[in-house]
């Protein structure tokens, strides 16, 4: 175990324990690693820098994205972006909302 680790004892709900155990098994890592990654994700939203493991996470994300890109299209033609249709849809949604008084 790395020397910069600190032992913590926490209380979680039984349902969380079951989910934690399943997630760790599915990902092939320890329950502690799942918790560390969750803390890293949570703190990244606060502008707090991620641990060195963030490089590994980024590599995994990129690998998954490239694998997805290389798969054949699932159904028919790819989606083509049409800005005018999106604006029209947005206008229709706004006009169908009830007006506040």
N, C-alpha and C. Protein backbone atom coordinates (compact mmCIF):
# COMPACT_ATOMS: atom_id res chain seq x y z
N UNK A 1 0.85 -1.18 0.00
CA UNK A 1 0.00 0.00 0.00
C UNK A 1 0.89 1.23 0.00
N UNK A 2 0.57 2.22 -0.88
CA UNK A 2 1.39 3.43 -0.92
C UNK A 2 1.42 4.13 0.43
N UNK A 3 2.52 4.78 0.73
CA UNK A 3 2.69 5.42 2.03
C UNK A 3 1.87 6.69 2.18
N UNK A 4 1.38 7.27 1.08
CA UNK A 4 0.61 8.50 1.20
C UNK A 4 -0.88 8.24 1.45
N UNK A 5 -1.24 7.00 1.74
CA UNK A 5 -2.63 6.65 2.02
C UNK A 5 -2.95 6.90 3.49
N UNK A 6 -4.21 7.26 3.73
CA UNK A 6 -4.71 7.48 5.08
C UNK A 6 -5.90 6.55 5.28
N UNK A 7 -5.91 5.84 6.40
CA UNK A 7 -7.00 4.91 6.68
C UNK A 7 -8.19 5.69 7.21
N UNK A 8 -9.39 5.42 6.64
CA UNK A 8 -10.62 6.05 7.07
C UNK A 8 -11.66 4.97 7.34
N UNK A 9 -12.44 5.16 8.36
CA UNK A 9 -13.55 4.26 8.63
C UNK A 9 -14.82 5.08 8.44
N UNK A 10 -15.71 4.60 7.58
CA UNK A 10 -16.93 5.35 7.27
C UNK A 10 -18.15 4.46 7.46
N UNK A 11 -19.30 5.09 7.57
CA UNK A 11 -20.57 4.37 7.65
C UNK A 11 -21.34 4.64 6.36
N UNK A 12 -21.81 3.57 5.74
CA UNK A 12 -22.66 3.70 4.56
C UNK A 12 -23.87 2.79 4.76
N UNK A 13 -24.93 3.09 4.01
CA UNK A 13 -26.13 2.27 4.10
C UNK A 13 -25.87 0.89 3.50
N UNK A 14 -26.63 -0.10 3.96
CA UNK A 14 -26.46 -1.47 3.48
C UNK A 14 -26.63 -1.54 1.96
N UNK A 15 -27.59 -0.80 1.42
CA UNK A 15 -27.79 -0.79 -0.03
C UNK A 15 -26.55 -0.24 -0.74
N UNK A 16 -25.95 0.79 -0.17
CA UNK A 16 -24.72 1.34 -0.76
C UNK A 16 -23.60 0.30 -0.72
N UNK A 17 -23.52 -0.45 0.37
CA UNK A 17 -22.49 -1.49 0.47
C UNK A 17 -22.68 -2.52 -0.63
N UNK A 18 -23.92 -2.93 -0.86
CA UNK A 18 -24.19 -3.92 -1.91
C UNK A 18 -23.80 -3.38 -3.28
N UNK A 19 -24.17 -2.13 -3.54
CA UNK A 19 -23.82 -1.52 -4.82
C UNK A 19 -22.31 -1.35 -4.97
N UNK A 20 -21.65 -0.96 -3.88
CA UNK A 20 -20.21 -0.79 -3.90
C UNK A 20 -19.52 -2.11 -4.22
N UNK A 21 -19.96 -3.17 -3.59
CA UNK A 21 -19.38 -4.50 -3.81
C UNK A 21 -19.56 -4.92 -5.28
N UNK A 22 -20.77 -4.74 -5.80
CA UNK A 22 -21.05 -5.12 -7.20
C UNK A 22 -20.21 -4.30 -8.17
N UNK A 23 -20.13 -3.01 -7.93
CA UNK A 23 -19.36 -2.13 -8.82
C UNK A 23 -17.89 -2.50 -8.81
N UNK A 24 -17.35 -2.79 -7.64
CA UNK A 24 -15.94 -3.17 -7.54
C UNK A 24 -15.68 -4.48 -8.29
N UNK A 25 -16.60 -5.43 -8.16
CA UNK A 25 -16.44 -6.71 -8.87
C UNK A 25 -16.51 -6.51 -10.37
N UNK A 26 -17.48 -5.70 -10.82
CA UNK A 26 -17.64 -5.45 -12.26
C UNK A 26 -16.41 -4.79 -12.85
N UNK A 27 -15.80 -3.87 -12.12
CA UNK A 27 -14.65 -3.13 -12.62
C UNK A 27 -13.32 -3.79 -12.31
N UNK A 28 -13.35 -4.80 -11.48
CA UNK A 28 -12.11 -5.51 -11.15
C UNK A 28 -11.15 -4.72 -10.29
N UNK A 29 -11.70 -3.87 -9.43
CA UNK A 29 -10.87 -3.08 -8.52
C UNK A 29 -11.42 -3.24 -7.10
N UNK A 30 -10.71 -2.71 -6.13
CA UNK A 30 -11.16 -2.80 -4.74
C UNK A 30 -12.29 -1.82 -4.48
N UNK A 31 -13.02 -2.08 -3.41
CA UNK A 31 -14.07 -1.16 -2.99
C UNK A 31 -13.46 0.19 -2.63
N UNK A 32 -12.29 0.17 -2.01
CA UNK A 32 -11.61 1.42 -1.65
C UNK A 32 -11.28 2.24 -2.90
N UNK A 33 -10.89 1.56 -3.98
CA UNK A 33 -10.58 2.28 -5.22
C UNK A 33 -11.82 2.94 -5.79
N UNK A 34 -12.97 2.28 -5.70
CA UNK A 34 -14.23 2.87 -6.17
C UNK A 34 -14.50 4.15 -5.38
N UNK A 35 -14.31 4.11 -4.08
CA UNK A 35 -14.55 5.28 -3.23
C UNK A 35 -13.56 6.39 -3.57
N UNK A 36 -12.28 6.05 -3.77
CA UNK A 36 -11.28 7.07 -4.13
C UNK A 36 -11.65 7.74 -5.45
N UNK A 37 -12.07 6.96 -6.42
CA UNK A 37 -12.45 7.52 -7.72
C UNK A 37 -13.68 8.43 -7.59
N UNK A 38 -14.62 8.03 -6.75
CA UNK A 38 -15.81 8.86 -6.53
C UNK A 38 -15.41 10.20 -5.92
N UNK A 39 -14.48 10.18 -4.97
CA UNK A 39 -14.00 11.42 -4.36
C UNK A 39 -13.29 12.27 -5.41
N UNK A 40 -12.49 11.65 -6.26
CA UNK A 40 -11.81 12.40 -7.33
C UNK A 40 -12.82 13.06 -8.26
N UNK A 41 -13.86 12.31 -8.65
CA UNK A 41 -14.89 12.88 -9.53
C UNK A 41 -15.60 14.04 -8.84
N UNK A 42 -15.97 13.85 -7.59
CA UNK A 42 -16.69 14.88 -6.86
C UNK A 42 -15.86 16.15 -6.72
N UNK A 43 -14.60 16.01 -6.41
CA UNK A 43 -13.75 17.18 -6.23
C UNK A 43 -13.38 17.84 -7.55
N UNK A 44 -13.42 17.11 -8.65
CA UNK A 44 -13.10 17.72 -9.94
C UNK A 44 -14.15 18.76 -10.31
N UNK A 45 -15.39 18.60 -9.85
CA UNK A 45 -16.43 19.58 -10.13
C UNK A 45 -16.21 20.85 -9.31
N UNK A 46 -15.44 20.77 -8.26
CA UNK A 46 -15.18 21.91 -7.40
C UNK A 46 -13.92 22.66 -7.83
N UNK A 47 -13.29 22.21 -8.91
CA UNK A 47 -12.06 22.84 -9.36
C UNK A 47 -10.83 22.37 -8.59
N UNK A 48 -10.99 21.32 -7.81
CA UNK A 48 -9.87 20.75 -7.06
C UNK A 48 -9.18 19.75 -7.99
N UNK A 49 -7.86 19.80 -8.14
CA UNK A 49 -7.19 18.90 -9.08
C UNK A 49 -7.37 17.43 -8.72
N UNK A 50 -7.48 16.61 -9.74
CA UNK A 50 -7.60 15.17 -9.55
C UNK A 50 -6.26 14.55 -9.20
N UNK A 51 -6.31 13.35 -8.69
CA UNK A 51 -5.08 12.63 -8.35
C UNK A 51 -4.37 12.17 -9.63
N UNK A 52 -3.20 11.55 -9.46
CA UNK A 52 -2.46 11.04 -10.61
C UNK A 52 -3.26 10.00 -11.37
N UNK A 53 -4.22 9.36 -10.71
CA UNK A 53 -5.03 8.34 -11.37
C UNK A 53 -5.92 8.92 -12.45
N UNK A 54 -6.06 10.25 -12.50
CA UNK A 54 -6.91 10.87 -13.52
C UNK A 54 -6.36 10.60 -14.91
N UNK A 55 -5.05 10.44 -15.04
CA UNK A 55 -4.46 10.13 -16.34
C UNK A 55 -4.92 8.75 -16.81
N UNK A 56 -4.97 7.81 -15.89
CA UNK A 56 -5.46 6.47 -16.22
C UNK A 56 -6.92 6.53 -16.63
N UNK A 57 -7.72 7.29 -15.89
CA UNK A 57 -9.14 7.42 -16.21
C UNK A 57 -9.32 8.03 -17.59
N UNK A 58 -8.54 9.06 -17.90
CA UNK A 58 -8.64 9.70 -19.21
C UNK A 58 -8.27 8.72 -20.32
N UNK A 59 -7.23 7.94 -20.12
CA UNK A 59 -6.84 6.94 -21.11
C UNK A 59 -7.97 5.93 -21.34
N UNK A 60 -8.63 5.51 -20.25
CA UNK A 60 -9.74 4.57 -20.39
C UNK A 60 -10.90 5.18 -21.16
N UNK A 61 -11.20 6.45 -20.89
CA UNK A 61 -12.28 7.14 -21.59
C UNK A 61 -11.95 7.24 -23.08
N UNK A 62 -10.73 7.64 -23.40
CA UNK A 62 -10.33 7.76 -24.80
C UNK A 62 -10.38 6.41 -25.52
N UNK A 63 -9.92 5.37 -24.83
CA UNK A 63 -9.95 4.04 -25.43
C UNK A 63 -11.38 3.63 -25.75
N UNK A 64 -12.30 3.89 -24.82
CA UNK A 64 -13.70 3.55 -25.03
C UNK A 64 -14.30 4.38 -26.17
N UNK A 65 -13.95 5.66 -26.23
CA UNK A 65 -14.47 6.52 -27.29
C UNK A 65 -13.98 6.07 -28.66
N UNK A 66 -12.71 5.73 -28.77
CA UNK A 66 -12.18 5.27 -30.05
C UNK A 66 -12.78 3.93 -30.45
N UNK A 67 -13.00 3.05 -29.48
CA UNK A 67 -13.63 1.76 -29.78
C UNK A 67 -15.05 1.98 -30.28
N UNK A 68 -15.76 2.91 -29.66
CA UNK A 68 -17.13 3.22 -30.08
C UNK A 68 -17.14 3.81 -31.48
N UNK A 69 -16.17 4.69 -31.75
CA UNK A 69 -16.08 5.32 -33.07
C UNK A 69 -15.86 4.30 -34.17
N UNK A 70 -15.10 3.26 -33.87
CA UNK A 70 -14.75 2.26 -34.88
C UNK A 70 -15.84 1.23 -35.11
N UNK A 71 -16.91 1.26 -34.29
CA UNK A 71 -18.01 0.31 -34.49
C UNK A 71 -18.88 0.77 -35.65
N UNK A 72 -19.50 -0.18 -36.36
CA UNK A 72 -20.39 0.21 -37.45
C UNK A 72 -21.63 0.92 -36.90
N UNK A 73 -22.25 1.75 -37.73
CA UNK A 73 -23.48 2.45 -37.33
C UNK A 73 -24.54 1.42 -36.95
N UNK A 74 -25.31 1.71 -35.93
CA UNK A 74 -26.27 0.74 -35.42
C UNK A 74 -27.55 0.68 -36.24
N UNK A 75 -28.05 1.81 -36.71
CA UNK A 75 -29.32 1.76 -37.45
C UNK A 75 -29.37 2.87 -38.49
N UNK A 76 -29.41 2.51 -39.74
CA UNK A 76 -29.60 3.48 -40.81
C UNK A 76 -28.50 4.51 -40.94
N UNK A 77 -28.90 5.67 -41.43
CA UNK A 77 -27.97 6.75 -41.68
C UNK A 77 -27.57 7.46 -40.38
N UNK A 78 -26.39 8.03 -40.35
CA UNK A 78 -26.01 8.80 -39.17
C UNK A 78 -26.87 10.06 -39.05
N UNK A 79 -26.97 10.59 -37.85
CA UNK A 79 -27.75 11.79 -37.60
C UNK A 79 -27.06 12.99 -38.23
N UNK A 80 -27.82 13.79 -38.92
CA UNK A 80 -27.30 15.03 -39.51
C UNK A 80 -27.90 16.21 -38.77
N UNK A 81 -27.06 17.06 -38.26
CA UNK A 81 -27.46 18.22 -37.48
C UNK A 81 -28.12 19.25 -38.37
N UNK A 82 -29.29 19.75 -37.97
CA UNK A 82 -30.00 20.78 -38.72
C UNK A 82 -30.40 21.87 -37.74
N UNK A 83 -29.65 22.96 -37.75
CA UNK A 83 -29.86 24.04 -36.78
C UNK A 83 -31.26 24.64 -36.89
N UNK A 84 -31.77 24.84 -38.10
CA UNK A 84 -33.10 25.44 -38.28
C UNK A 84 -34.18 24.59 -37.62
N UNK A 85 -34.09 23.26 -37.79
CA UNK A 85 -35.08 22.39 -37.16
C UNK A 85 -35.01 22.46 -35.64
N UNK A 86 -33.80 22.55 -35.11
CA UNK A 86 -33.65 22.65 -33.66
C UNK A 86 -34.24 23.95 -33.12
N UNK A 87 -34.02 25.07 -33.83
CA UNK A 87 -34.59 26.34 -33.40
C UNK A 87 -36.11 26.30 -33.46
N UNK A 88 -36.65 25.69 -34.49
CA UNK A 88 -38.10 25.57 -34.63
C UNK A 88 -38.68 24.72 -33.50
N UNK A 89 -38.02 23.63 -33.18
CA UNK A 89 -38.46 22.77 -32.09
C UNK A 89 -38.42 23.54 -30.76
N UNK A 90 -37.40 24.34 -30.56
CA UNK A 90 -37.28 25.13 -29.34
C UNK A 90 -38.40 26.16 -29.26
N UNK A 91 -38.70 26.84 -30.37
CA UNK A 91 -39.79 27.81 -30.38
C UNK A 91 -41.12 27.14 -30.07
N UNK A 92 -41.34 25.95 -30.63
CA UNK A 92 -42.60 25.23 -30.38
C UNK A 92 -42.73 24.87 -28.91
N UNK A 93 -41.63 24.45 -28.29
CA UNK A 93 -41.68 24.10 -26.86
C UNK A 93 -42.01 25.32 -26.02
N UNK A 94 -41.41 26.46 -26.36
CA UNK A 94 -41.67 27.68 -25.59
C UNK A 94 -43.13 28.11 -25.73
N UNK A 95 -43.67 28.04 -26.94
CA UNK A 95 -45.04 28.51 -27.16
C UNK A 95 -46.06 27.55 -26.53
N UNK A 96 -45.69 26.28 -26.30
CA UNK A 96 -46.65 25.35 -25.72
C UNK A 96 -46.63 25.38 -24.20
N UNK A 97 -45.66 26.07 -23.59
CA UNK A 97 -45.61 26.17 -22.13
C UNK A 97 -46.69 27.14 -21.65
N UNK A 98 -47.33 26.82 -20.53
CA UNK A 98 -48.31 27.76 -19.99
C UNK A 98 -47.62 29.05 -19.53
N UNK A 99 -48.24 30.16 -19.81
CA UNK A 99 -47.66 31.46 -19.44
C UNK A 99 -47.97 31.76 -17.99
N UNK A 100 -46.98 32.28 -17.25
CA UNK A 100 -47.18 32.68 -15.86
C UNK A 100 -47.84 34.05 -15.82
N UNK A 101 -48.66 34.23 -14.84
CA UNK A 101 -49.33 35.53 -14.70
C UNK A 101 -48.70 36.35 -13.64
